[in-house]
Amino acid sequence: LVVETVGGKADTINDAVHLVRRRGTVTVLGLFPTFPNLNALALVLKEVRLLGAMTYGRSGERADFERALDLLARDPQG
C-alpha cells in the first residue's frame, strides 16, 4: 500500500505507482486542482489498484489520523 497525500500539482500519483509493489494498492487522499498525469501503462502492467478516499472531514470524537495510527499499530503488515 502506498498512500498519496500531497495532491496539488505534484507528480505523486506516478511516484506512488512506481513505488508500490506489483498488484499493490495506491490510495489517493491528496486533492488535485486539475486532472493529474497518470502513467496508465505502468498502472496496467503492475496491476495496481488505484483507490480514491475521502478524509479530513469525518465527524466523530477521534481524528482520522489517530484512527489510522491505531489500525497500523494493530496490524503493521496491513
PDB file of N, CA and C in Angstrom:
ATOM      1  N   LEU A   1       0.844  -1.180   0.000  1.00  0.00           N
ATOM      2  CA  LEU A   1       0.000   0.000   0.000  1.00  0.00           C
ATOM      3  C   LEU A   1       0.880   1.231   0.000  1.00  0.00           C
ATOM      4  N   VAL A   2       0.586   2.149  -0.916  1.00  0.00           N
ATOM      5  CA  VAL A   2       1.212   3.462  -0.923  1.00  0.00           C
ATOM      6  C   VAL A   2       0.085   4.475  -0.827  1.00  0.00           C
ATOM      7  N   VAL A   3       0.222   5.431   0.075  1.00  0.00           N
ATOM      8  CA  VAL A   3      -0.803   6.452   0.273  1.00  0.00           C
ATOM      9  C   VAL A   3      -0.269   7.780  -0.245  1.00  0.00           C
ATOM     10  N   GLU A   4      -0.954   8.341  -1.218  1.00  0.00           N
ATOM     11  CA  GLU A   4      -0.620   9.646  -1.774  1.00  0.00           C
ATOM     12  C   GLU A   4      -1.414  10.678  -0.992  1.00  0.00           C
ATOM     13  N   THR A   5      -0.705  11.647  -0.397  1.00  0.00           N
ATOM     14  CA  THR A   5      -1.383  12.640   0.442  1.00  0.00           C
ATOM     15  C   THR A   5      -1.101  14.080   0.022  1.00  0.00           C
ATOM     16  N   VAL A   6      -0.320  14.278  -1.025  1.00  0.00           N
ATOM     17  CA  VAL A   6       0.144  15.621  -1.375  1.00  0.00           C
ATOM     18  C   VAL A   6      -0.862  16.374  -2.245  1.00  0.00           C
ATOM     19  N   GLY A   7      -1.250  15.765  -3.363  1.00  0.00           N
ATOM     20  CA  GLY A   7      -2.161  16.446  -4.275  1.00  0.00           C
ATOM     21  C   GLY A   7      -1.499  17.637  -4.945  1.00  0.00           C
ATOM     22  N   GLY A   8      -2.284  18.666  -5.213  1.00  0.00           N
ATOM     23  CA  GLY A   8      -1.763  19.875  -5.847  1.00  0.00           C
ATOM     24  C   GLY A   8      -1.314  19.609  -7.266  1.00  0.00           C
ATOM     25  N   LYS A   9      -0.123  20.106  -7.602  1.00  0.00           N
ATOM     26  CA  LYS A   9       0.417  19.910  -8.946  1.00  0.00           C
ATOM     27  C   LYS A   9       1.578  18.917  -8.948  1.00  0.00           C
ATOM     28  N   ALA A  10       1.778  18.228  -7.835  1.00  0.00           N
ATOM     29  CA  ALA A  10       2.878  17.268  -7.711  1.00  0.00           C
ATOM     30  C   ALA A  10       2.609  16.028  -8.562  1.00  0.00           C
ATOM     31  N   ASP A  11       3.663  15.316  -8.914  1.00  0.00           N
ATOM     32  CA  ASP A  11       3.556  14.099  -9.715  1.00  0.00           C
ATOM     33  C   ASP A  11       3.510  12.863  -8.807  1.00  0.00           C
ATOM     34  N   THR A  12       2.864  12.991  -7.682  1.00  0.00           N
ATOM     35  CA  THR A  12       2.924  11.957  -6.651  1.00  0.00           C
ATOM     36  C   THR A  12       2.116  10.706  -6.974  1.00  0.00           C
ATOM     37  N   ILE A  13       1.118  10.790  -7.832  1.00  0.00           N
ATOM     38  CA  ILE A  13       0.397   9.562  -8.200  1.00  0.00           C
ATOM     39  C   ILE A  13       1.327   8.657  -9.016  1.00  0.00           C
ATOM     40  N   ASN A  14       2.057   9.225  -9.953  1.00  0.00           N
ATOM     41  CA  ASN A  14       3.016   8.420 -10.714  1.00  0.00           C
ATOM     42  C   ASN A  14       4.126   7.896  -9.806  1.00  0.00           C
ATOM     43  N   ASP A  15       4.583   8.717  -8.874  1.00  0.00           N
ATOM     44  CA  ASP A  15       5.586   8.245  -7.915  1.00  0.00           C
ATOM     45  C   ASP A  15       5.043   7.042  -7.146  1.00  0.00           C
ATOM     46  N   ALA A  16       3.799   7.136  -6.720  1.00  0.00           N
ATOM     47  CA  ALA A  16       3.191   6.050  -5.948  1.00  0.00           C
ATOM     48  C   ALA A  16       3.062   4.781  -6.781  1.00  0.00           C
ATOM     49  N   VAL A  17       2.648   4.909  -8.042  1.00  0.00           N
ATOM     50  CA  VAL A  17       2.531   3.742  -8.926  1.00  0.00           C
ATOM     51  C   VAL A  17       3.905   3.107  -9.127  1.00  0.00           C
ATOM     52  N   HIS A  18       4.927   3.927  -9.243  1.00  0.00           N
ATOM     53  CA  HIS A  18       6.290   3.417  -9.400  1.00  0.00           C
ATOM     54  C   HIS A  18       6.756   2.680  -8.137  1.00  0.00           C
ATOM     55  N   LEU A  19       6.405   3.187  -6.964  1.00  0.00           N
ATOM     56  CA  LEU A  19       6.899   2.631  -5.706  1.00  0.00           C
ATOM     57  C   LEU A  19       6.131   1.409  -5.201  1.00  0.00           C
ATOM     58  N   VAL A  20       4.853   1.332  -5.519  1.00  0.00           N
ATOM     59  CA  VAL A  20       4.035   0.240  -4.985  1.00  0.00           C
ATOM     60  C   VAL A  20       4.450  -1.084  -5.621  1.00  0.00           C
ATOM     61  N   ARG A  21       4.335  -2.161  -4.850  1.00  0.00           N
ATOM     62  CA  ARG A  21       4.683  -3.469  -5.400  1.00  0.00           C
ATOM     63  C   ARG A  21       3.636  -3.895  -6.434  1.00  0.00           C
ATOM     64  N   ARG A  22       3.999  -4.890  -7.234  1.00  0.00           N
ATOM     65  CA  ARG A  22       3.065  -5.440  -8.224  1.00  0.00           C
ATOM     66  C   ARG A  22       1.797  -5.904  -7.515  1.00  0.00           C
ATOM     67  N   ARG A  23       0.660  -5.564  -8.088  1.00  0.00           N
ATOM     68  CA  ARG A  23      -0.668  -5.859  -7.548  1.00  0.00           C
ATOM     69  C   ARG A  23      -0.931  -5.161  -6.212  1.00  0.00           C
ATOM     70  N   GLY A  24      -0.172  -4.112  -5.929  1.00  0.00           N
ATOM     71  CA  GLY A  24      -0.395  -3.325  -4.721  1.00  0.00           C
ATOM     72  C   GLY A  24      -1.500  -2.304  -4.926  1.00  0.00           C
ATOM     73  N   THR A  25      -1.745  -1.531  -3.894  1.00  0.00           N
ATOM     74  CA  THR A  25      -2.794  -0.520  -3.921  1.00  0.00           C
ATOM     75  C   THR A  25      -2.196   0.859  -3.685  1.00  0.00           C
ATOM     76  N   VAL A  26      -2.634   1.820  -4.488  1.00  0.00           N
ATOM     77  CA  VAL A  26      -2.310   3.225  -4.281  1.00  0.00           C
ATOM     78  C   VAL A  26      -3.603   3.910  -3.853  1.00  0.00           C
ATOM     79  N   THR A  27      -3.609   4.472  -2.657  1.00  0.00           N
ATOM     80  CA  THR A  27      -4.762   5.212  -2.167  1.00  0.00           C
ATOM     81  C   THR A  27      -4.458   6.702  -2.290  1.00  0.00           C
ATOM     82  N   VAL A  28      -5.356   7.427  -2.924  1.00  0.00           N
ATOM     83  CA  VAL A  28      -5.158   8.857  -3.172  1.00  0.00           C
ATOM     84  C   VAL A  28      -6.012   9.656  -2.199  1.00  0.00           C
ATOM     85  N   LEU A  29      -5.341  10.431  -1.340  1.00  0.00           N
ATOM     86  CA  LEU A  29      -6.017  11.329  -0.414  1.00  0.00           C
ATOM     87  C   LEU A  29      -5.858  12.787  -0.826  1.00  0.00           C
ATOM     88  N   GLY A  30      -4.743  13.088  -1.527  1.00  0.00           N
ATOM     89  CA  GLY A  30      -4.477  14.466  -1.937  1.00  0.00           C
ATOM     90  C   GLY A  30      -5.504  14.951  -2.943  1.00  0.00           C
ATOM     91  N   LEU A  31      -5.733  16.249  -2.941  1.00  0.00           N
ATOM     92  CA  LEU A  31      -6.679  16.861  -3.872  1.00  0.00           C
ATOM     93  C   LEU A  31      -5.909  17.565  -4.971  1.00  0.00           C
ATOM     94  N   PHE A  32      -6.362  17.392  -6.216  1.00  0.00           N
ATOM     95  CA  PHE A  32      -5.693  17.950  -7.384  1.00  0.00           C
ATOM     96  C   PHE A  32      -6.605  18.981  -8.040  1.00  0.00           C
ATOM     97  N   PRO A  33      -6.075  20.178  -8.364  1.00  0.00           N
ATOM     98  CA  PRO A  33      -6.910  21.216  -8.984  1.00  0.00           C
ATOM     99  C   PRO A  33      -7.273  20.893 -10.434  1.00  0.00           C
ATOM    100  N   THR A  34      -6.476  20.052 -11.097  1.00  0.00           N
ATOM    101  CA  THR A  34      -6.750  19.603 -12.466  1.00  0.00           C
ATOM    102  C   THR A  34      -6.498  18.097 -12.505  1.00  0.00           C
ATOM    103  N   PHE A  35      -6.843  17.474 -13.617  1.00  0.00           N
ATOM    104  CA  PHE A  35      -6.593  16.048 -13.751  1.00  0.00           C
ATOM    105  C   PHE A  35      -5.085  15.802 -13.723  1.00  0.00           C
ATOM    106  N   PRO A  36      -4.604  14.953 -12.815  1.00  0.00           N
ATOM    107  CA  PRO A  36      -3.164  14.680 -12.766  1.00  0.00           C
ATOM    108  C   PRO A  36      -2.743  13.757 -13.911  1.00  0.00           C
ATOM    109  N   ASN A  37      -1.480  13.863 -14.315  1.00  0.00           N
ATOM    110  CA  ASN A  37      -0.930  12.922 -15.284  1.00  0.00           C
ATOM    111  C   ASN A  37      -0.836  11.557 -14.630  1.00  0.00           C
ATOM    112  N   LEU A  38      -1.095  10.519 -15.409  1.00  0.00           N
ATOM    113  CA  LEU A  38      -1.031   9.166 -14.881  1.00  0.00           C
ATOM    114  C   LEU A  38      -0.387   8.260 -15.913  1.00  0.00           C
ATOM    115  N   ASN A  39       0.645   7.532 -15.518  1.00  0.00           N
ATOM    116  CA  ASN A  39       1.288   6.566 -16.388  1.00  0.00           C
ATOM    117  C   ASN A  39       0.424   5.303 -16.385  1.00  0.00           C
ATOM    118  N   ALA A  40      -0.560   5.281 -17.268  1.00  0.00           N
ATOM    119  CA  ALA A  40      -1.515   4.173 -17.301  1.00  0.00           C
ATOM    120  C   ALA A  40      -0.843   2.854 -17.670  1.00  0.00           C
ATOM    121  N   LEU A  41       0.209   2.897 -18.476  1.00  0.00           N
ATOM    122  CA  LEU A  41       0.905   1.672 -18.845  1.00  0.00           C
ATOM    123  C   LEU A  41       1.506   1.010 -17.605  1.00  0.00           C
ATOM    124  N   ALA A  42       2.174   1.786 -16.763  1.00  0.00           N
ATOM    125  CA  ALA A  42       2.742   1.233 -15.531  1.00  0.00           C
ATOM    126  C   ALA A  42       1.633   0.720 -14.610  1.00  0.00           C
ATOM    127  N   LEU A  43       0.540   1.454 -14.541  1.00  0.00           N
ATOM    128  CA  LEU A  43      -0.599   1.038 -13.717  1.00  0.00           C
ATOM    129  C   LEU A  43      -1.119  -0.331 -14.166  1.00  0.00           C
ATOM    130  N   VAL A  44      -1.254  -0.516 -15.474  1.00  0.00           N
ATOM    131  CA  VAL A  44      -1.782  -1.773 -16.016  1.00  0.00           C
ATOM    132  C   VAL A  44      -0.764  -2.906 -15.905  1.00  0.00           C
ATOM    133  N   LEU A  45       0.481  -2.652 -16.301  1.00  0.00           N
ATOM    134  CA  LEU A  45       1.486  -3.716 -16.270  1.00  0.00           C
ATOM    135  C   LEU A  45       1.743  -4.235 -14.860  1.00  0.00           C
ATOM    136  N   LYS A  46       1.684  -3.354 -13.861  1.00  0.00           N
ATOM    137  CA  LYS A  46       1.893  -3.780 -12.477  1.00  0.00           C
ATOM    138  C   LYS A  46       0.596  -4.243 -11.814  1.00  0.00           C
ATOM    139  N   GLU A  47      -0.529  -4.101 -12.508  1.00  0.00           N
ATOM    140  CA  GLU A  47      -1.847  -4.473 -11.984  1.00  0.00           C
ATOM    141  C   GLU A  47      -2.120  -3.764 -10.656  1.00  0.00           C
ATOM    142  N   VAL A  48      -1.879  -2.465 -10.643  1.00  0.00           N
ATOM    143  CA  VAL A  48      -2.051  -1.647  -9.443  1.00  0.00           C
ATOM    144  C   VAL A  48      -3.518  -1.274  -9.278  1.00  0.00           C
ATOM    145  N   ARG A  49      -4.001  -1.349  -8.049  1.00  0.00           N
ATOM    146  CA  ARG A  49      -5.341  -0.850  -7.722  1.00  0.00           C
ATOM    147  C   ARG A  49      -5.191   0.610  -7.318  1.00  0.00           C
ATOM    148  N   LEU A  50      -5.994   1.472  -7.911  1.00  0.00           N
ATOM    149  CA  LEU A  50      -5.981   2.895  -7.604  1.00  0.00           C
ATOM    150  C   LEU A  50      -7.285   3.221  -6.896  1.00  0.00           C
ATOM    151  N   LEU A  51      -7.172   3.723  -5.680  1.00  0.00           N
ATOM    152  CA  LEU A  51      -8.348   3.930  -4.837  1.00  0.00           C
ATOM    153  C   LEU A  51      -8.378   5.357  -4.338  1.00  0.00           C
ATOM    154  N   GLY A  52      -9.473   6.040  -4.570  1.00  0.00           N
ATOM    155  CA  GLY A  52      -9.661   7.374  -4.008  1.00  0.00           C
ATOM    156  C   GLY A  52     -10.340   7.260  -2.659  1.00  0.00           C
ATOM    157  N   ALA A  53      -9.984   8.126  -1.742  1.00  0.00           N
ATOM    158  CA  ALA A  53     -10.580   8.080  -0.412  1.00  0.00           C
ATOM    159  C   ALA A  53     -10.795   9.493   0.114  1.00  0.00           C
ATOM    160  N   MET A  54     -11.921   9.705   0.743  1.00  0.00           N
ATOM    161  CA  MET A  54     -12.243  10.998   1.342  1.00  0.00           C
ATOM    162  C   MET A  54     -11.812  10.954   2.805  1.00  0.00           C
ATOM    163  N   THR A  55     -11.151  11.982   3.229  1.00  0.00           N
ATOM    164  CA  THR A  55     -10.687  12.046   4.612  1.00  0.00           C
ATOM    165  C   THR A  55     -10.698  13.499   5.064  1.00  0.00           C
ATOM    166  N   TYR A  56     -10.233  13.744   6.214  1.00  0.00           N
ATOM    167  CA  TYR A  56     -10.116  15.083   6.796  1.00  0.00           C
ATOM    168  C   TYR A  56     -11.446  15.723   7.163  1.00  0.00           C
ATOM    169  N   GLY A  57     -12.552  15.106   6.881  1.00  0.00           N
ATOM    170  CA  GLY A  57     -13.823  15.742   7.178  1.00  0.00           C
ATOM    171  C   GLY A  57     -14.775  14.843   7.936  1.00  0.00           C
ATOM    172  N   ARG A  58     -14.285  13.731   8.403  1.00  0.00           N
ATOM    173  CA  ARG A  58     -15.140  12.771   9.077  1.00  0.00           C
ATOM    174  C   ARG A  58     -15.544  13.299  10.449  1.00  0.00           C
ATOM    175  N   SER A  59     -16.800  13.170  10.770  1.00  0.00           N
ATOM    176  CA  SER A  59     -17.254  13.632  12.081  1.00  0.00           C
ATOM    177  C   SER A  59     -17.028  12.543  13.125  1.00  0.00           C
ATOM    178  N   GLY A  60     -16.962  12.937  14.353  1.00  0.00           N
ATOM    179  CA  GLY A  60     -16.750  11.995  15.444  1.00  0.00           C
ATOM    180  C   GLY A  60     -15.758  12.554  16.432  1.00  0.00           C
ATOM    181  N   GLU A  61     -15.508  11.781  17.465  1.00  0.00           N
ATOM    182  CA  GLU A  61     -14.649  12.292  18.525  1.00  0.00           C
ATOM    183  C   GLU A  61     -13.167  12.055  18.288  1.00  0.00           C
ATOM    184  N   ARG A  62     -12.793  11.205  17.315  1.00  0.00           N
ATOM    185  CA  ARG A  62     -11.378  10.921  17.062  1.00  0.00           C
ATOM    186  C   ARG A  62     -10.988  11.356  15.655  1.00  0.00           C
ATOM    187  N   ALA A  63      -9.814  11.939  15.529  1.00  0.00           N
ATOM    188  CA  ALA A  63      -9.317  12.395  14.231  1.00  0.00           C
ATOM    189  C   ALA A  63      -8.989  11.202  13.337  1.00  0.00           C
ATOM    190  N   ASP A  64      -9.047  11.424  12.029  1.00  0.00           N
ATOM    191  CA  ASP A  64      -8.774  10.368  11.051  1.00  0.00           C
ATOM    192  C   ASP A  64      -7.390   9.758  11.240  1.00  0.00           C
ATOM    193  N   PHE A  65      -6.371  10.609  11.421  1.00  0.00           N
ATOM    194  CA  PHE A  65      -5.020  10.084  11.544  1.00  0.00           C
ATOM    195  C   PHE A  65      -4.842   9.297  12.840  1.00  0.00           C
ATOM    196  N   GLU A  66      -5.539   9.669  13.881  1.00  0.00           N
ATOM    197  CA  GLU A  66      -5.486   8.892  15.126  1.00  0.00           C
ATOM    198  C   GLU A  66      -6.047   7.491  14.887  1.00  0.00           C
ATOM    199  N   ARG A  67      -7.138   7.415  14.160  1.00  0.00           N
ATOM    200  CA  ARG A  67      -7.720   6.103  13.820  1.00  0.00           C
ATOM    201  C   ARG A  67      -6.754   5.292  12.957  1.00  0.00           C
ATOM    202  N   ALA A  68      -6.125   5.951  11.975  1.00  0.00           N
ATOM    203  CA  ALA A  68      -5.177   5.258  11.098  1.00  0.00           C
ATOM    204  C   ALA A  68      -3.991   4.722  11.876  1.00  0.00           C
ATOM    205  N   LEU A  69      -3.468   5.506  12.804  1.00  0.00           N
ATOM    206  CA  LEU A  69      -2.355   5.042  13.634  1.00  0.00           C
ATOM    207  C   LEU A  69      -2.753   3.843  14.471  1.00  0.00           C
ATOM    208  N   ASP A  70      -3.957   3.844  15.001  1.00  0.00           N
ATOM    209  CA  ASP A  70      -4.446   2.693  15.767  1.00  0.00           C
ATOM    210  C   ASP A  70      -4.517   1.442  14.895  1.00  0.00           C
ATOM    211  N   LEU A  71      -5.014   1.590  13.663  1.00  0.00           N
ATOM    212  CA  LEU A  71      -5.098   0.452  12.752  1.00  0.00           C
ATOM    213  C   LEU A  71      -3.718  -0.089  12.420  1.00  0.00           C
ATOM    214  N   LEU A  72      -2.771   0.800  12.161  1.00  0.00           N
ATOM    215  CA  LEU A  72      -1.411   0.358  11.863  1.00  0.00           C
ATOM    216  C   LEU A  72      -0.764  -0.329  13.053  1.00  0.00           C
ATOM    217  N   ALA A  73      -1.038   0.164  14.251  1.00  0.00           N
ATOM    218  CA  ALA A  73      -0.458  -0.448  15.453  1.00  0.00           C
ATOM    219  C   ALA A  73      -1.015  -1.869  15.653  1.00  0.00           C
ATOM    220  N   ARG A  74      -2.273  -2.077  15.307  1.00  0.00           N
ATOM    221  CA  ARG A  74      -2.891  -3.393  15.472  1.00  0.00           C
ATOM    222  C   ARG A  74      -2.422  -4.388  14.419  1.00  0.00           C
ATOM    223  N   ASP A  75      -2.139  -3.904  13.197  1.00  0.00           N
ATOM    224  CA  ASP A  75      -1.737  -4.805  12.115  1.00  0.00           C
ATOM    225  C   ASP A  75      -0.701  -4.089  11.236  1.00  0.00           C
ATOM    226  N   PRO A  76       0.560  -4.053  11.654  1.00  0.00           N
ATOM    227  CA  PRO A  76       1.576  -3.307  10.908  1.00  0.00           C
ATOM    228  C   PRO A  76       1.803  -3.809   9.491  1.00  0.00           C
ATOM    229  N   GLN A  77       1.474  -5.061   9.201  1.00  0.00           N
ATOM    230  CA  GLN A  77       1.654  -5.610   7.856  1.00  0.00           C
ATOM    231  C   GLN A  77       0.505  -5.285   6.931  1.00  0.00           C
ATOM    232  N   GLY A  78      -0.589  -4.772   7.509  1.00  0.00           N
ATOM    233  CA  GLY A  78      -1.746  -4.336   6.724  1.00  0.00           C
ATOM    234  C   GLY A  78      -2.410  -5.441   5.996  1.00  0.00           C
TER     235      GLY A  78
END
